[in-house]
Amino acid sequence: MSTRQVVRWTEADEERSARWRSEDGVPLPERTVVADDRTVPGAAYRLAADGTGMLWRGDFRNARRLLRDMKERADRALRERKLPEAPVEAYRAHRRARAERAHTLGMLLVPFEPDGAVALRNAPDVQEACKEAYGSGDEPFVAPLRELLHLIWAREERRKGFEVPALGDRVHPHYGVFTPVGRGEYMDLVAEAPLPTRTLAFDIGTGSGVLTALLAHRGVERIVATDQEPRALTCARENLTRLGLAGRVEFLRTDLFPPGRAGLVVCNPPWVPGEPHSPVERAMYDPDSRMLRGFLDGLAAHLEPGGEGWLVISDFAEHVGLRPRSELLAAFGAAGLEVVARTDMRPRTPWVPDENEPFPAARAAEVTSLWRLAAR
């Protein structure tokens, strides 16, 4: 959070307040009331849909049940919403509806002590998880229950890690850093493409560091891994250290490129043009294709003679009309780039039809590609 916000409510005829915290960017509720085990699900959903925050004072397990009921109602409303016929308008309308859903579900709130403990009966011990996500605190705060549950899930995912077959090892994501569970094809593409050099590579937007690890594992002698997010750089450094590969890597907090040129520059930007609704979504949604265009426009100036830029990107945006293939090819040309080769790969895990998926044809047709680009 860039500014400190305070949530206020009345309890036992007393005005109270605490710091407001939302990693998903849920706006501060305009009004907050106290809720407990007597709260009726239908009434809770109506309050949340109107933007009223509900600070939970009952049993933690009942709060989870209430959130589950609210989610079922929100999902039903999402399925029943009629979308425009034009694919691009349908997609934008669906994203707006998803944002409204996230806001509604973010209105069920839980209180935290300064050390991150949840001040509710039967609440789990989340102090270490809060410290990993937020750092050390010095004041009580209030946050959406939905985000707390995601924090608990993220800590478990960090503990387990995810298998990267090409590494023969696991990578452990931190809270707020994209976890490519079930979308490993982009890693396979980088693991198998012919290397134009083994001397120096740049990994633009390293995230968990998995592509940096793959390049180092393949024998690249030196890699500069960049990212704007401190959490991502900490995560990448920890993963490369655990894998015994950090000695080859320089981690740099910067927007896109480091200084200089390299024989290989790799980027796996967010695949879909659009506004992210949470920090994690920044790895999936790229407003106005800013990162994609920034990478393409600056690539030629950061390639050594004979070097290649590897763009790893899904064509999902093409199938829903957000970014035609012709637009991508025109961006290559405008940036002074030519296509050396392209390798396509279907998702590693076959797509299974889901009644909640509003764009089944696009999902079924989706392909991830590695574009090998060179300066003209």
Protein backbone atom coordinates (compact mmCIF):
# COMPACT_ATOMS: atom_id res chain seq x y z
CA MET A 1 0.00 0.00 0.00
CA SER A 2 1.37 3.39 -0.93
CA THR A 3 -0.62 5.32 1.72
CA ARG A 4 -1.86 4.36 5.14
CA GLN A 5 -5.66 3.97 5.22
CA VAL A 6 -7.83 3.43 8.28
CA VAL A 7 -11.04 1.43 8.55
CA ARG A 8 -13.52 2.68 11.17
CA TRP A 9 -16.50 1.02 12.82
CA THR A 10 -18.67 1.19 15.94
CA GLU A 11 -18.56 -1.65 18.45
CA ALA A 12 -20.14 -1.74 21.92
CA ASP A 13 -21.15 1.88 21.41
CA GLU A 14 -17.51 2.82 20.94
CA GLU A 15 -15.82 4.25 17.84
CA ARG A 16 -12.91 2.03 16.82
CA SER A 17 -10.36 1.97 14.03
CA ALA A 18 -7.45 -0.03 12.62
CA ARG A 19 -5.15 0.10 9.64
CA TRP A 20 -6.70 -1.10 6.38
CA ARG A 21 -4.62 -3.57 4.40
CA SER A 22 -5.48 -5.11 1.03
CA GLU A 23 -2.82 -6.64 -1.17
CA ASP A 24 -5.47 -7.17 -3.87
CA GLY A 25 -6.31 -3.49 -3.97
CA VAL A 26 -9.82 -3.84 -2.53
CA PRO A 27 -10.98 -0.27 -1.81
CA LEU A 28 -11.48 0.82 1.78
CA PRO A 29 -15.14 0.09 2.64
CA GLU A 30 -17.29 3.21 2.78
CA ARG A 31 -19.02 1.74 5.83
CA THR A 32 -18.10 -1.12 8.16
CA VAL A 33 -20.35 -3.05 10.53
CA VAL A 34 -19.67 -5.88 12.96
CA ALA A 35 -20.73 -9.41 11.94
CA ASP A 36 -20.64 -12.69 13.87
CA ASP A 37 -21.99 -16.25 13.96
CA ARG A 38 -25.58 -14.97 13.86
CA THR A 39 -25.09 -13.22 10.50
CA VAL A 40 -27.40 -14.61 7.80
CA PRO A 41 -25.64 -15.44 4.46
CA GLY A 42 -28.23 -13.70 2.26
CA ALA A 43 -28.05 -10.50 4.29
CA ALA A 44 -24.25 -10.65 4.34
CA TYR A 45 -24.10 -10.96 0.56
CA ARG A 46 -26.43 -8.00 0.07
CA LEU A 47 -24.34 -5.85 2.42
CA ALA A 48 -21.14 -6.85 0.64
CA ALA A 49 -22.62 -6.19 -2.80
CA ASP A 50 -23.49 -2.68 -1.61
CA GLY A 51 -19.88 -2.11 -0.54
CA THR A 52 -20.37 -2.49 3.21
CA GLY A 53 -17.49 -4.11 5.06
CA MET A 54 -18.31 -6.72 7.70
CA LEU A 55 -15.73 -7.10 10.47
CA TRP A 56 -16.02 -10.65 11.75
CA ARG A 57 -16.18 -11.24 15.50
CA GLY A 58 -17.38 -14.84 15.55
CA ASP A 59 -15.73 -18.22 15.09
CA PHE A 60 -13.14 -18.29 12.29
CA ARG A 61 -14.55 -21.52 10.87
CA ASN A 62 -17.99 -19.91 10.54
CA ALA A 63 -16.40 -16.97 8.71
CA ARG A 64 -14.95 -19.40 6.16
CA ARG A 65 -18.36 -21.02 5.72
CA LEU A 66 -19.98 -17.63 5.20
CA LEU A 67 -17.36 -16.65 2.61
CA ARG A 68 -17.96 -19.95 0.81
CA ASP A 69 -21.69 -19.21 0.67
CA MET A 70 -21.01 -15.68 -0.60
CA LYS A 71 -18.71 -17.08 -3.27
CA GLU A 72 -21.40 -19.49 -4.49
CA ARG A 73 -23.87 -16.62 -4.79
CA ALA A 74 -21.32 -14.43 -6.59
CA ASP A 75 -20.40 -17.23 -9.00
CA ARG A 76 -24.05 -17.87 -9.77
CA ALA A 77 -24.58 -14.17 -10.52
CA LEU A 78 -21.49 -14.20 -12.74
CA ARG A 79 -22.74 -17.20 -14.74
CA GLU A 80 -26.18 -15.64 -15.17
CA ARG A 81 -24.84 -12.34 -16.48
CA LYS A 82 -25.41 -11.96 -20.22
CA LEU A 83 -22.28 -10.94 -22.11
CA PRO A 84 -22.12 -8.94 -25.36
CA GLU A 85 -21.80 -11.00 -28.53
CA ALA A 86 -18.60 -9.35 -29.79
CA PRO A 87 -15.66 -11.31 -28.28
CA VAL A 88 -13.59 -8.31 -27.22
CA GLU A 89 -16.57 -6.56 -25.59
CA ALA A 90 -17.58 -9.83 -23.95
CA TYR A 91 -14.11 -10.23 -22.50
CA ARG A 92 -14.02 -6.68 -21.13
CA ALA A 93 -17.49 -7.06 -19.64
CA HIS A 94 -16.44 -10.32 -18.02
CA ARG A 95 -13.36 -8.67 -16.51
CA ARG A 96 -15.51 -5.88 -15.08
CA ALA A 97 -17.86 -8.46 -13.61
CA ARG A 98 -14.91 -10.35 -12.09
CA ALA A 99 -13.69 -7.13 -10.51
CA GLU A 100 -17.14 -6.53 -8.99
CA ARG A 101 -17.14 -10.11 -7.69
CA ALA A 102 -13.70 -9.66 -6.10
CA HIS A 103 -14.83 -6.43 -4.45
CA THR A 104 -17.95 -8.09 -3.03
CA LEU A 105 -16.04 -11.07 -1.64
CA GLY A 106 -13.45 -8.69 -0.21
CA MET A 107 -16.02 -7.15 2.14
CA LEU A 108 -15.83 -9.95 4.74
CA LEU A 109 -13.05 -8.72 7.03
CA VAL A 110 -10.92 -10.19 9.81
CA PRO A 111 -9.00 -8.39 12.58
CA PHE A 112 -5.24 -8.89 13.10
CA GLU A 113 -2.98 -8.13 16.03
CA PRO A 114 0.25 -6.19 15.33
CA ASP A 115 2.22 -9.47 15.19
CA GLY A 116 -0.09 -10.90 12.51
CA ALA A 117 -2.16 -13.14 14.79
CA VAL A 118 -5.85 -13.35 13.88
CA ALA A 119 -7.96 -12.25 16.83
CA LEU A 120 -10.75 -14.83 16.37
CA ARG A 121 -11.79 -18.11 17.95
CA ASN A 122 -10.33 -21.19 16.20
CA ALA A 123 -8.23 -19.06 13.88
CA PRO A 124 -5.10 -20.74 12.42
CA ASP A 125 -1.62 -19.58 13.32
CA VAL A 126 -0.70 -17.25 10.47
CA GLN A 127 1.92 -15.06 12.16
CA GLU A 128 4.84 -16.38 10.12
CA ALA A 129 2.82 -16.20 6.91
CA CYS A 130 1.91 -12.58 7.67
CA LYS A 131 5.52 -11.74 8.44
CA GLU A 132 6.64 -13.26 5.12
CA ALA A 133 3.99 -11.34 3.20
CA TYR A 134 3.84 -8.01 5.04
CA GLY A 135 7.01 -7.77 7.10
CA SER A 136 7.05 -6.91 10.80
CA GLY A 137 4.12 -4.81 12.00
CA ASP A 138 3.61 -2.41 14.88
CA GLU A 139 -0.16 -1.83 14.84
CA PRO A 140 -3.40 -3.82 14.54
CA PHE A 141 -4.92 -4.06 11.09
CA VAL A 142 -7.98 -5.32 9.23
CA ALA A 143 -7.88 -7.25 5.94
CA PRO A 144 -10.28 -9.26 3.76
CA LEU A 145 -10.71 -12.88 4.84
CA ARG A 146 -10.39 -13.90 1.19
CA GLU A 147 -6.87 -12.47 1.06
CA LEU A 148 -5.92 -14.19 4.30
CA LEU A 149 -6.97 -17.54 2.83
CA HIS A 150 -4.89 -16.82 -0.26
CA LEU A 151 -1.94 -15.95 1.99
CA ILE A 152 -2.30 -19.31 3.74
CA TRP A 153 -2.49 -21.09 0.37
CA ALA A 154 0.55 -19.17 -0.93
CA ARG A 155 2.64 -20.13 2.09
CA GLU A 156 1.78 -23.79 1.55
CA GLU A 157 2.66 -23.49 -2.15
CA ARG A 158 5.96 -21.87 -1.17
CA ARG A 159 6.68 -24.73 1.21
CA LYS A 160 5.91 -27.41 -1.39
CA GLY A 161 7.24 -25.61 -4.45
CA PHE A 162 6.42 -26.70 -7.99
CA GLU A 163 8.28 -29.26 -10.04
CA VAL A 164 10.27 -28.07 -13.05
CA PRO A 165 11.12 -31.24 -15.01
CA ALA A 166 13.80 -29.51 -17.09
CA LEU A 167 15.62 -28.56 -13.86
CA GLY A 168 15.09 -31.87 -12.12
CA ASP A 169 14.17 -29.81 -9.08
CA ARG A 170 11.54 -27.56 -7.58
CA VAL A 171 11.07 -23.79 -7.52
CA HIS A 172 9.43 -22.17 -4.51
CA PRO A 173 7.26 -19.07 -5.18
CA HIS A 174 6.79 -16.32 -2.61
CA TYR A 175 3.51 -14.63 -1.74
CA GLY A 176 2.60 -12.13 -4.46
CA VAL A 177 4.85 -13.76 -7.08
CA PHE A 178 3.26 -15.57 -10.02
CA THR A 179 3.07 -19.34 -9.62
CA PRO A 180 2.86 -21.12 -13.00
CA VAL A 181 0.98 -24.15 -11.70
CA GLY A 182 -0.42 -26.10 -14.66
CA ARG A 183 1.15 -23.71 -17.23
CA GLY A 184 4.61 -25.23 -17.63
CA GLU A 185 4.76 -25.08 -21.41
CA TYR A 186 6.58 -21.75 -21.41
CA MET A 187 9.34 -23.35 -19.32
CA ASP A 188 9.57 -26.28 -21.74
CA LEU A 189 9.98 -23.87 -24.65
CA VAL A 190 12.90 -22.06 -22.98
CA ALA A 191 14.45 -25.36 -21.94
CA GLU A 192 14.45 -26.70 -25.51
CA ALA A 193 15.15 -23.73 -27.84
CA PRO A 194 18.68 -23.62 -29.35
CA LEU A 195 20.87 -21.19 -27.40
CA PRO A 196 22.49 -18.44 -29.49
CA THR A 197 25.11 -17.91 -26.75
CA ARG A 198 26.28 -19.27 -23.42
CA THR A 199 28.17 -16.14 -22.41
CA LEU A 200 25.61 -13.58 -21.22
CA ALA A 201 21.80 -13.47 -21.07
CA PHE A 202 19.20 -11.06 -19.68
CA ASP A 203 15.96 -12.35 -18.10
CA ILE A 204 13.46 -9.47 -18.21
CA GLY A 205 10.80 -9.67 -15.48
CA THR A 206 12.29 -12.70 -13.74
CA GLY A 207 9.44 -13.32 -11.25
CA SER A 208 10.18 -16.55 -9.40
CA GLY A 209 13.48 -16.85 -11.28
CA VAL A 210 12.49 -20.05 -13.04
CA LEU A 211 13.64 -18.96 -16.52
CA THR A 212 16.92 -17.64 -15.10
CA ALA A 213 17.40 -21.03 -13.44
CA LEU A 214 16.71 -22.84 -16.71
CA LEU A 215 19.26 -20.72 -18.58
CA ALA A 216 21.89 -21.27 -15.88
CA HIS A 217 21.10 -24.98 -15.82
CA ARG A 218 21.66 -25.07 -19.59
CA GLY A 219 25.14 -23.63 -19.15
CA VAL A 220 24.75 -19.87 -19.66
CA GLU A 221 27.74 -18.45 -17.79
CA ARG A 222 26.27 -15.13 -16.62
CA ILE A 223 22.67 -13.89 -16.38
CA VAL A 224 21.23 -10.54 -15.34
CA ALA A 225 17.74 -11.06 -13.90
CA THR A 226 15.57 -7.94 -13.64
CA ASP A 227 12.23 -7.14 -12.05
CA GLN A 228 10.41 -4.09 -10.67
CA GLU A 229 9.01 -5.97 -7.69
CA PRO A 230 11.24 -6.43 -4.60
CA ARG A 231 9.29 -9.57 -3.66
CA ALA A 232 10.08 -11.13 -7.04
CA LEU A 233 13.79 -10.40 -6.78
CA THR A 234 13.92 -11.80 -3.24
CA CYS A 235 12.07 -14.90 -4.44
CA ALA A 236 14.32 -15.35 -7.48
CA ARG A 237 17.50 -14.89 -5.42
CA GLU A 238 16.32 -17.44 -2.86
CA ASN A 239 15.45 -20.00 -5.56
CA LEU A 240 18.73 -19.59 -7.44
CA THR A 241 20.68 -19.83 -4.19
CA ARG A 242 18.91 -23.02 -3.18
CA LEU A 243 19.58 -24.49 -6.64
CA GLY A 244 23.29 -23.61 -6.34
CA LEU A 245 23.13 -21.28 -9.37
CA ALA A 246 23.13 -17.81 -7.78
CA GLY A 247 26.84 -17.34 -8.40
CA ARG A 248 26.11 -16.85 -12.10
CA VAL A 249 23.30 -14.35 -11.62
CA GLU A 250 23.10 -10.60 -10.98
CA PHE A 251 19.71 -9.51 -9.64
CA LEU A 252 18.70 -5.97 -10.56
CA ARG A 253 15.60 -3.99 -9.63
CA THR A 254 14.72 -2.03 -12.75
CA ASP A 255 11.99 -1.55 -15.31
CA LEU A 256 12.75 -3.94 -18.17
CA PHE A 257 16.39 -3.85 -19.37
CA PRO A 258 19.66 -3.64 -17.49
CA PRO A 259 22.49 -1.54 -18.98
CA GLY A 260 24.44 -3.03 -21.87
CA ARG A 261 23.87 -5.73 -24.45
CA ALA A 262 23.61 -9.51 -24.34
CA GLY A 263 23.63 -12.34 -26.84
CA LEU A 264 20.30 -13.58 -25.47
CA VAL A 265 17.45 -11.54 -23.97
CA VAL A 266 14.44 -13.50 -22.66
CA CYS A 267 11.04 -12.11 -21.68
CA ASN A 268 7.80 -13.81 -20.69
CA PRO A 269 5.52 -10.75 -20.32
CA PRO A 270 1.90 -10.80 -19.15
CA TRP A 271 -0.10 -12.43 -21.91
CA VAL A 272 -3.32 -10.43 -21.87
CA PRO A 273 -3.78 -6.68 -22.42
CA GLY A 274 -5.82 -5.35 -19.52
CA GLU A 275 -5.76 -3.87 -16.03
CA PRO A 276 -4.68 -6.23 -13.24
CA HIS A 277 -6.97 -6.35 -10.21
CA SER A 278 -4.31 -7.57 -7.76
CA PRO A 279 -0.50 -7.79 -7.51
CA VAL A 280 -0.48 -11.43 -8.63
CA GLU A 281 -2.50 -10.51 -11.75
CA ARG A 282 0.34 -8.23 -12.88
CA ALA A 283 1.98 -11.39 -14.20
CA MET A 284 -1.09 -12.08 -16.37
CA TYR A 285 -2.47 -8.66 -17.38
CA ASP A 286 -0.46 -5.95 -19.11
CA PRO A 287 -2.20 -2.53 -19.32
CA ASP A 288 -2.08 -1.34 -22.95
CA SER A 289 0.56 -4.04 -23.56
CA ARG A 290 3.08 -1.73 -21.88
CA MET A 291 5.61 -4.41 -20.93
CA LEU A 292 5.31 -6.23 -24.25
CA ARG A 293 5.82 -3.05 -26.27
CA GLY A 294 8.59 -1.84 -23.96
CA PHE A 295 10.45 -5.12 -24.43
CA LEU A 296 10.06 -5.08 -28.21
CA ASP A 297 10.91 -1.40 -28.61
CA GLY A 298 14.09 -1.69 -26.52
CA LEU A 299 15.24 -5.12 -27.64
CA ALA A 300 17.39 -4.21 -30.65
CA ALA A 301 19.40 -1.72 -28.58
CA HIS A 302 20.22 -4.43 -26.01
CA LEU A 303 21.20 -7.25 -28.37
CA GLU A 304 24.78 -8.02 -29.26
CA PRO A 305 25.47 -8.55 -33.01
CA GLY A 306 24.00 -11.92 -33.92
CA GLY A 307 22.05 -12.08 -30.66
CA GLU A 308 18.45 -13.17 -30.18
CA GLY A 309 15.50 -11.99 -28.14
CA TRP A 310 13.13 -14.69 -26.98
CA LEU A 311 9.54 -13.58 -26.52
CA VAL A 312 7.43 -16.23 -24.79
CA ILE A 313 3.72 -15.45 -25.04
CA SER A 314 0.30 -17.08 -25.33
CA ASP A 315 -2.08 -16.30 -28.18
CA PHE A 316 -5.15 -16.25 -25.90
CA ALA A 317 -5.50 -12.48 -26.45
CA GLU A 318 -5.80 -13.12 -30.19
CA HIS A 319 -8.66 -15.58 -29.75
CA VAL A 320 -10.75 -13.10 -27.75
CA GLY A 321 -9.99 -10.19 -30.09
CA LEU A 322 -7.81 -8.15 -27.72
CA ARG A 323 -4.61 -8.29 -29.78
CA PRO A 324 -4.71 -9.61 -33.37
CA ARG A 325 -1.69 -11.49 -34.68
CA SER A 326 -1.22 -8.71 -37.26
CA GLU A 327 -0.77 -6.21 -34.43
CA LEU A 328 1.97 -8.32 -32.85
CA LEU A 329 3.78 -8.74 -36.18
CA ALA A 330 3.50 -5.01 -36.85
CA ALA A 331 5.06 -4.32 -33.43
CA PHE A 332 8.02 -6.53 -34.41
CA GLY A 333 8.52 -4.55 -37.60
CA ALA A 334 8.13 -1.15 -35.93
CA ALA A 335 10.81 -2.14 -33.40
CA GLY A 336 13.28 -3.09 -36.14
CA LEU A 337 13.03 -6.81 -35.45
CA GLU A 338 12.69 -9.87 -37.63
CA VAL A 339 11.47 -13.35 -36.75
CA VAL A 340 14.23 -15.96 -36.84
CA ALA A 341 11.91 -18.81 -35.87
CA ARG A 342 8.83 -19.62 -33.82
CA THR A 343 8.04 -22.70 -31.74
CA ASP A 344 4.48 -23.41 -30.59
CA MET A 345 3.33 -25.59 -27.74
CA ARG A 346 -0.10 -26.57 -26.48
CA PRO A 347 -0.70 -26.38 -22.72
CA ARG A 348 1.06 -29.21 -20.93
CA THR A 349 -2.17 -30.00 -19.06
CA PRO A 350 -5.04 -30.54 -21.53
CA TRP A 351 -7.85 -28.04 -21.09
CA VAL A 352 -10.95 -29.53 -19.53
CA PRO A 353 -14.28 -27.78 -20.25
CA ASP A 354 -15.59 -25.88 -17.23
CA GLU A 355 -19.08 -24.40 -16.86
CA ASN A 356 -17.49 -21.29 -15.28
CA GLU A 357 -15.22 -20.66 -18.30
CA PRO A 358 -16.86 -17.91 -20.40
CA PHE A 359 -14.52 -18.35 -23.40
CA PRO A 360 -14.22 -22.12 -23.97
CA ALA A 361 -13.31 -21.86 -27.66
CA ALA A 362 -10.43 -19.49 -26.91
CA ARG A 363 -9.12 -21.72 -24.13
CA ALA A 364 -9.35 -24.82 -26.30
CA ALA A 365 -7.42 -23.15 -29.14
CA GLU A 366 -4.76 -21.44 -27.00
CA VAL A 367 -1.11 -21.97 -27.92
CA THR A 368 2.04 -20.66 -26.25
CA SER A 369 4.84 -19.59 -28.59
CA LEU A 370 8.52 -18.80 -28.29
CA TRP A 371 9.36 -16.15 -30.88
CA ARG A 372 13.07 -15.95 -31.69
CA LEU A 373 13.71 -12.36 -32.72
CA ALA A 374 16.79 -10.60 -34.11
CA ALA A 375 17.64 -6.99 -35.00
CA ARG A 376 17.25 -6.28 -38.71
